[in-house]
Amino acid sequence: MTREEELGIIIDGIENLDNVAMETARKKWNSIAKPLHSLGKLEEHIIRIAGITGNAEVELKNRALIAMCADNGVVEEGVTQTGQEVTAIVAENFLEGATSAAIMCQSAEVDLFPIDIGMVRDTRVPNYKVAYGTKNMVKEPAMTREEALQAILTGVHLMKEKKEAGYQILATGEMGIGNTTTSSAVASVLLDESVETMTGRGAGLDSAGLRRKICAIKTAIAKNEPNADDPVDVLSKVGGFDLAGLVGIYLGGAYYHVPVIMDGFISAVAALAAVQMCNNVREYIIVSHVSKEPGMHILLKALGREASMTCDMCLGEGTGAVAFLPVLDMALAVYEKMSTFSDIHIDDYEELGDK
């Protein structure tokens, strides 16, 4: 079986959410002794998770962050503040518990799994490498189509592996110097938006650096002519291995019925590519926060989703997704533990108009 055929089977196998489980969860929320819908999006998230898993008895005890680590050849164009060596340093620091995401994972009781899907050097990070970094997309396609497919399927297989290990929810994260450049390029093509609109300063570029970044993206798109109707083509020509791997996580989450918490801008671009491959995927995604990157609101609109937190975060690594898990924990605690109206012998609240 070719990789193209394997991906097709995954996409064709993605089902709608389980409406019976969702309705059961909705009725349970409505029976709890509090004003109807008063926890807003938090109630909706628990209902969505019930629909994803097919079970109104929601459990989120076993959770993990997958951090896709890869390097991008476009850094040759001066689009970043640091060099590629930083990717490997931070990736190994994930293992040491010495990054922002790692410390937050410890606090939120989240297992952290950094994945080397395409770094330019070998490290102690588990090796799922497609290649030693992408090519410079300004000069040639970032990767071959086969490499893009391999990276996507790596994400799918990782999702299967984590589900079989008992994980009930996954958060998306990434580490790769230059990956806001590739993400802005992919988003610009998929959304038919101007490069200027979708491109921010990333990890703190000055104005001259931002101009170089925009110029590099425009040149790469013009040279490689990615097909906006084919997300795999777009990823292969102006994307990155980390992005493609995250696309696979979203597809795998939908295929294997595991909820996935979306992080910020880079994770949102991967989510958009996955949704454009299979529209049903959007229902399997839990949106955590609004990234500070300028294109984030456009991405959320395209995904048809709203974020629950606005903290002006733009760190990446999965920090926003991990930060949202304790909020979900509190919502689930109310869902599981709070008395119902019948328990305390009070008539249920009734719907008296719009929510």
Protein backbone atom coordinates (compact mmCIF):
# COMPACT_ATOMS: atom_id res chain seq x y z
CA MET A 1 0.00 0.00 0.00
CA THR A 2 1.33 3.45 -0.88
CA ARG A 3 1.44 6.27 1.65
CA GLU A 4 -1.14 8.13 -0.44
CA GLU A 5 -3.48 5.14 -0.18
CA GLU A 6 -2.87 4.77 3.57
CA LEU A 7 -3.70 8.43 4.12
CA GLY A 8 -6.85 8.01 2.02
CA ILE A 9 -8.01 5.15 4.24
CA ILE A 10 -7.50 7.29 7.36
CA ILE A 11 -9.44 10.21 5.88
CA ASP A 12 -12.29 8.00 4.63
CA GLY A 13 -12.54 6.37 8.08
CA ILE A 14 -13.14 9.61 10.03
CA GLU A 15 -16.70 9.61 11.34
CA ASN A 16 -19.05 12.24 12.71
CA LEU A 17 -19.21 12.77 16.46
CA ASP A 18 -21.45 10.46 18.50
CA ASN A 19 -24.67 12.44 18.89
CA VAL A 20 -26.13 10.01 21.43
CA ALA A 21 -23.17 10.46 23.78
CA MET A 22 -23.31 14.22 23.29
CA GLU A 23 -27.02 14.38 24.09
CA THR A 24 -26.47 12.26 27.20
CA ALA A 25 -23.72 14.64 28.34
CA ARG A 26 -25.89 17.67 27.57
CA LYS A 27 -28.76 16.27 29.64
CA LYS A 28 -26.38 15.58 32.50
CA TRP A 29 -25.14 19.19 32.45
CA ASN A 30 -28.73 20.43 32.41
CA SER A 31 -29.60 18.29 35.44
CA ILE A 32 -26.79 19.74 37.57
CA ALA A 33 -27.96 22.15 40.28
CA LYS A 34 -26.80 25.41 38.75
CA PRO A 35 -28.18 27.84 36.16
CA LEU A 36 -28.39 26.30 32.71
CA HIS A 37 -25.30 26.68 30.49
CA SER A 38 -23.63 28.83 33.15
CA LEU A 39 -20.19 27.32 32.55
CA GLY A 40 -20.45 28.30 28.89
CA LYS A 41 -17.75 26.86 26.63
CA LEU A 42 -16.53 24.59 29.41
CA GLU A 43 -19.79 22.66 29.22
CA GLU A 44 -19.53 22.55 25.43
CA HIS A 45 -16.00 21.12 25.63
CA ILE A 46 -17.08 18.25 27.87
CA ILE A 47 -20.04 17.55 25.59
CA ARG A 48 -17.70 17.59 22.58
CA ILE A 49 -15.29 15.18 24.27
CA ALA A 50 -18.22 12.83 24.96
CA GLY A 51 -19.05 12.95 21.26
CA ILE A 52 -15.44 12.34 20.25
CA THR A 53 -14.98 9.31 22.50
CA GLY A 54 -18.54 8.01 22.20
CA ASN A 55 -18.88 7.96 26.00
CA ALA A 56 -20.65 10.49 28.24
CA GLU A 57 -18.54 9.25 31.17
CA VAL A 58 -15.63 11.54 30.32
CA GLU A 59 -12.14 10.76 31.64
CA LEU A 60 -9.07 12.97 31.17
CA LYS A 61 -6.66 11.49 33.71
CA ASN A 62 -4.13 10.17 31.21
CA ARG A 63 -2.94 13.02 28.99
CA ALA A 64 0.10 13.83 26.93
CA LEU A 65 1.74 16.61 24.98
CA ILE A 66 3.29 15.64 21.64
CA ALA A 67 5.98 18.18 20.72
CA MET A 68 7.05 17.81 17.09
CA CYS A 69 10.67 18.97 16.68
CA ALA A 70 12.10 19.82 13.25
CA ASP A 71 14.38 22.25 11.44
CA ASN A 72 13.60 24.44 8.46
CA GLY A 73 16.03 25.27 5.66
CA VAL A 74 14.48 28.71 5.20
CA VAL A 75 16.45 29.99 8.21
CA GLU A 76 19.25 30.60 5.66
CA GLU A 77 17.26 33.67 4.63
CA GLY A 78 17.72 35.48 7.95
CA VAL A 79 14.09 35.05 9.00
CA THR A 80 14.86 34.14 12.61
CA GLN A 81 16.62 35.67 15.57
CA THR A 82 18.56 32.48 16.38
CA GLY A 83 20.20 29.64 14.46
CA GLN A 84 19.08 26.06 13.92
CA GLU A 85 21.24 24.79 16.78
CA VAL A 86 18.59 26.09 19.19
CA THR A 87 16.03 23.51 17.99
CA ALA A 88 18.12 20.59 19.22
CA ILE A 89 19.02 22.34 22.48
CA VAL A 90 15.39 23.03 23.36
CA ALA A 91 14.29 19.58 22.19
CA GLU A 92 16.75 17.92 24.58
CA ASN A 93 15.66 20.30 27.32
CA PHE A 94 12.18 18.82 26.97
CA LEU A 95 13.70 15.57 28.22
CA GLU A 96 15.35 17.36 31.12
CA GLY A 97 12.12 19.10 32.16
CA ALA A 98 13.85 22.41 31.53
CA THR A 99 11.54 24.18 29.07
CA SER A 100 8.44 26.26 29.69
CA ALA A 101 6.20 23.52 28.33
CA ALA A 102 7.97 20.83 30.36
CA ILE A 103 7.54 22.75 33.62
CA MET A 104 3.88 23.43 32.82
CA CYS A 105 3.39 19.73 32.00
CA GLN A 106 4.74 18.79 35.40
CA SER A 107 2.29 21.18 37.05
CA ALA A 108 -0.67 19.95 35.01
CA GLU A 109 0.25 16.25 35.28
CA VAL A 110 0.79 15.89 31.55
CA ASP A 111 3.29 13.43 30.08
CA LEU A 112 5.58 15.13 27.56
CA PHE A 113 6.79 13.35 24.43
CA PRO A 114 9.21 15.31 22.25
CA ILE A 115 9.51 13.78 18.78
CA ASP A 116 12.40 14.27 16.37
CA ILE A 117 10.53 14.33 13.10
CA GLY A 118 13.18 16.30 11.21
CA MET A 119 15.94 18.00 13.20
CA VAL A 120 19.28 18.64 11.48
CA ARG A 121 21.21 16.69 14.09
CA ASP A 122 20.62 13.56 16.13
CA THR A 123 19.88 13.93 19.83
CA ARG A 124 18.50 11.84 22.69
CA VAL A 125 14.99 12.78 21.55
CA PRO A 126 13.10 9.75 20.15
CA ASN A 127 13.93 9.51 16.47
CA TYR A 128 11.06 9.52 13.97
CA LYS A 129 13.10 11.58 11.54
CA VAL A 130 11.83 11.99 7.98
CA ALA A 131 15.00 13.84 6.94
CA TYR A 132 17.67 16.06 8.44
CA GLY A 133 15.67 19.26 8.12
CA THR A 134 13.75 20.62 5.16
CA LYS A 135 15.29 22.32 2.15
CA ASN A 136 15.28 26.10 1.82
CA MET A 137 11.83 26.75 0.35
CA VAL A 138 13.03 30.01 -1.19
CA LYS A 139 15.24 27.98 -3.54
CA GLU A 140 13.31 24.71 -3.95
CA PRO A 141 10.41 22.76 -2.42
CA ALA A 142 10.84 22.27 1.30
CA MET A 143 10.38 18.51 0.92
CA THR A 144 9.12 15.90 -1.51
CA ARG A 145 5.48 14.85 -1.52
CA GLU A 146 6.53 11.43 -0.20
CA GLU A 147 8.31 13.09 2.71
CA ALA A 148 5.22 15.16 3.49
CA LEU A 149 3.07 12.03 3.47
CA GLN A 150 5.58 10.22 5.68
CA ALA A 151 5.51 13.06 8.21
CA ILE A 152 1.69 13.15 8.25
CA LEU A 153 1.45 9.39 8.72
CA THR A 154 4.06 9.56 11.49
CA GLY A 155 1.63 11.79 13.38
CA VAL A 156 -1.24 9.36 12.74
CA HIS A 157 0.84 6.42 13.97
CA LEU A 158 1.90 8.33 17.09
CA MET A 159 -1.75 8.98 17.90
CA LYS A 160 -2.50 5.25 17.57
CA GLU A 161 0.47 4.45 19.80
CA LYS A 162 -0.65 6.88 22.50
CA LYS A 163 -4.24 5.66 22.45
CA GLU A 164 -3.07 2.07 22.83
CA ALA A 165 -0.93 3.23 25.78
CA GLY A 166 -4.09 4.52 27.48
CA TYR A 167 -3.91 8.26 26.81
CA GLN A 168 -7.33 9.91 26.75
CA ILE A 169 -6.48 13.38 25.42
CA LEU A 170 -3.48 14.85 23.58
CA ALA A 171 -2.14 18.38 23.33
CA THR A 172 -0.22 19.61 20.28
CA GLY A 173 3.13 21.34 20.47
CA GLU A 174 6.22 21.98 18.36
CA MET A 175 9.78 23.19 18.41
CA GLY A 176 11.61 24.35 15.32
CA ILE A 177 13.50 27.51 14.55
CA GLY A 178 11.86 29.08 11.50
CA ASN A 179 8.50 27.40 11.88
CA THR A 180 6.44 30.58 12.12
CA THR A 181 7.81 31.34 8.64
CA THR A 182 6.63 28.01 7.22
CA SER A 183 3.33 28.27 9.09
CA SER A 184 2.64 31.75 7.72
CA ALA A 185 3.44 30.50 4.23
CA VAL A 186 1.08 27.53 4.49
CA ALA A 187 -1.69 29.65 6.01
CA SER A 188 -1.33 32.33 3.35
CA VAL A 189 -1.76 29.75 0.57
CA LEU A 190 -4.56 27.72 2.16
CA LEU A 191 -6.58 30.81 3.09
CA ASP A 192 -5.70 32.89 0.01
CA GLU A 193 -4.66 35.70 2.33
CA SER A 194 -1.80 38.13 1.81
CA VAL A 195 1.55 37.13 3.27
CA GLU A 196 1.64 40.41 5.19
CA THR A 197 -1.66 39.59 6.89
CA MET A 198 -0.58 36.13 8.00
CA THR A 199 2.99 36.91 9.07
CA GLY A 200 4.09 38.12 12.49
CA ARG A 201 7.39 38.66 14.26
CA GLY A 202 7.61 35.12 15.59
CA ALA A 203 10.18 34.92 18.39
CA GLY A 204 10.84 38.67 18.40
CA LEU A 205 12.08 39.77 14.97
CA ASP A 206 12.83 43.45 14.46
CA SER A 207 11.23 45.33 11.56
CA ALA A 208 14.04 44.51 9.15
CA GLY A 209 13.78 40.84 10.07
CA LEU A 210 10.03 40.89 9.53
CA ARG A 211 10.54 42.35 6.06
CA ARG A 212 13.04 39.57 5.23
CA LYS A 213 10.56 37.00 6.50
CA ILE A 214 7.71 38.35 4.36
CA CYS A 215 9.98 38.57 1.32
CA ALA A 216 11.19 34.99 1.81
CA ILE A 217 7.63 33.66 2.04
CA LYS A 218 6.50 35.56 -1.04
CA THR A 219 9.49 34.30 -3.02
CA ALA A 220 8.92 30.71 -1.91
CA ILE A 221 5.25 30.78 -2.87
CA ALA A 222 5.98 32.35 -6.26
CA LYS A 223 8.79 29.89 -7.04
CA ASN A 224 7.12 26.66 -5.87
CA GLU A 225 3.50 27.45 -6.87
CA PRO A 226 1.81 25.31 -4.18
CA ASN A 227 -1.68 24.08 -5.07
CA ALA A 228 -4.09 25.59 -2.54
CA ASP A 229 -6.60 22.80 -3.24
CA ASP A 230 -4.09 20.14 -2.16
CA PRO A 231 -2.85 20.62 1.44
CA VAL A 232 -0.23 17.90 1.03
CA ASP A 233 1.24 19.80 -1.91
CA VAL A 234 1.26 23.03 0.11
CA LEU A 235 2.97 21.35 3.06
CA SER A 236 5.58 19.75 0.82
CA LYS A 237 6.47 22.97 -0.97
CA VAL A 238 6.38 25.63 1.77
CA GLY A 239 5.76 23.70 5.01
CA GLY A 240 7.80 21.89 7.61
CA PHE A 241 8.07 18.39 9.03
CA ASP A 242 6.73 19.55 12.39
CA LEU A 243 3.65 21.04 10.72
CA ALA A 244 3.02 17.90 8.68
CA GLY A 245 3.43 15.72 11.78
CA LEU A 246 0.87 17.81 13.64
CA VAL A 247 -1.54 17.41 10.71
CA GLY A 248 -1.22 13.68 11.32
CA ILE A 249 -1.97 14.11 15.02
CA TYR A 250 -5.24 15.85 14.18
CA LEU A 251 -6.19 13.27 11.57
CA GLY A 252 -5.24 10.45 13.91
CA GLY A 253 -7.21 11.99 16.76
CA ALA A 254 -10.31 12.04 14.61
CA TYR A 255 -9.71 8.53 13.23
CA TYR A 256 -9.01 6.97 16.65
CA HIS A 257 -11.59 9.07 18.55
CA VAL A 258 -9.12 10.88 20.81
CA PRO A 259 -9.70 14.59 21.58
CA VAL A 260 -6.81 16.88 20.60
CA ILE A 261 -6.16 20.26 22.22
CA MET A 262 -4.90 22.80 19.69
CA ASP A 263 -2.14 25.13 20.85
CA GLY A 264 -1.45 28.44 19.11
CA PHE A 265 -0.71 29.74 15.62
CA ILE A 266 1.50 26.92 14.34
CA SER A 267 -0.83 24.23 15.68
CA ALA A 268 -3.78 26.10 14.18
CA VAL A 269 -2.17 26.10 10.73
CA ALA A 270 -1.70 22.34 11.00
CA ALA A 271 -5.33 22.02 12.13
CA LEU A 272 -6.46 24.02 9.11
CA ALA A 273 -4.55 21.73 6.75
CA ALA A 274 -6.09 18.67 8.42
CA VAL A 275 -9.59 20.14 8.21
CA GLN A 276 -9.12 20.95 4.54
CA MET A 277 -8.19 17.29 3.99
CA CYS A 278 -11.28 16.13 5.93
CA ASN A 279 -13.94 18.54 7.15
CA ASN A 280 -15.06 16.20 9.96
CA VAL A 281 -11.72 16.75 11.72
CA ARG A 282 -12.76 20.21 12.94
CA GLU A 283 -15.24 18.66 15.38
CA TYR A 284 -12.49 16.64 17.07
CA ILE A 285 -10.37 19.68 17.94
CA ILE A 286 -10.48 21.49 21.30
CA VAL A 287 -9.26 25.09 20.85
CA SER A 288 -7.26 26.30 23.85
CA HIS A 289 -6.25 29.94 23.37
CA VAL A 290 -5.83 32.86 21.00
CA SER A 291 -2.18 33.24 20.01
CA LYS A 292 -0.71 36.72 19.81
CA GLU A 293 0.36 36.07 16.19
CA PRO A 294 -1.61 38.41 13.90
CA GLY A 295 -3.13 35.69 11.72
CA MET A 296 -4.64 33.69 14.58
CA HIS A 297 -8.10 35.28 14.46
CA ILE A 298 -8.31 34.58 10.72
CA LEU A 299 -7.37 30.94 11.32
CA LEU A 300 -10.00 30.53 14.03
CA LYS A 301 -12.65 32.02 11.74
CA ALA A 302 -11.62 29.63 8.97
CA LEU A 303 -11.84 26.72 11.40
CA GLY A 304 -15.25 27.93 12.56
CA ARG A 305 -14.15 27.81 16.18
CA GLU A 306 -13.66 30.13 19.15
CA ALA A 307 -10.89 29.91 21.73
CA SER A 308 -11.59 29.77 25.45
CA MET A 309 -8.58 31.73 26.70
CA THR A 310 -6.98 34.99 25.63
CA CYS A 311 -3.66 35.32 27.42
CA ASP A 312 -1.58 36.98 24.66
CA MET A 313 0.67 33.91 24.60
CA CYS A 314 2.98 33.27 21.63
CA LEU A 315 5.56 30.88 23.06
CA GLY A 316 4.61 27.69 21.25
CA GLU A 317 5.89 24.31 22.49
CA GLY A 318 2.28 23.43 23.40
CA THR A 319 2.20 25.83 26.36
CA GLY A 320 -1.28 27.19 25.64
CA ALA A 321 -2.75 23.72 25.16
CA VAL A 322 -1.21 22.48 28.41
CA ALA A 323 -2.38 25.60 30.28
CA PHE A 324 -5.95 24.82 29.25
CA LEU A 325 -5.99 21.27 30.66
CA PRO A 326 -6.44 22.33 34.33
CA VAL A 327 -9.41 24.43 33.20
CA LEU A 328 -10.93 21.35 31.61
CA ASP A 329 -10.21 19.44 34.80
CA MET A 330 -12.28 21.92 36.81
CA ALA A 331 -15.16 21.70 34.34
CA LEU A 332 -15.04 17.91 34.51
CA ALA A 333 -15.02 18.00 38.32
CA VAL A 334 -18.30 19.93 38.30
CA TYR A 335 -19.72 17.57 35.66
CA GLU A 336 -18.84 14.51 37.74
CA LYS A 337 -19.31 15.64 41.34
CA MET A 338 -21.94 18.34 41.62
CA SER A 339 -25.40 17.45 42.93
CA THR A 340 -28.34 17.34 40.54
CA PHE A 341 -31.61 19.18 41.06
CA SER A 342 -33.29 15.88 41.94
CA ASP A 343 -30.60 15.14 44.56
CA ILE A 344 -31.51 18.31 46.43
CA HIS A 345 -35.25 18.08 45.70
CA ILE A 346 -35.50 21.20 43.55
CA ASP A 347 -37.30 21.45 40.23
CA ASP A 348 -35.01 21.53 37.21
CA TYR A 349 -34.32 24.84 35.48
CA GLU A 350 -36.22 25.21 32.21
CA GLU A 351 -35.10 26.72 28.93
CA LEU A 352 -36.76 30.17 28.72
CA GLY A 353 -35.25 31.47 25.52
CA ASP A 354 -31.92 31.63 23.76
CA LYS A 355 -28.84 30.48 25.62
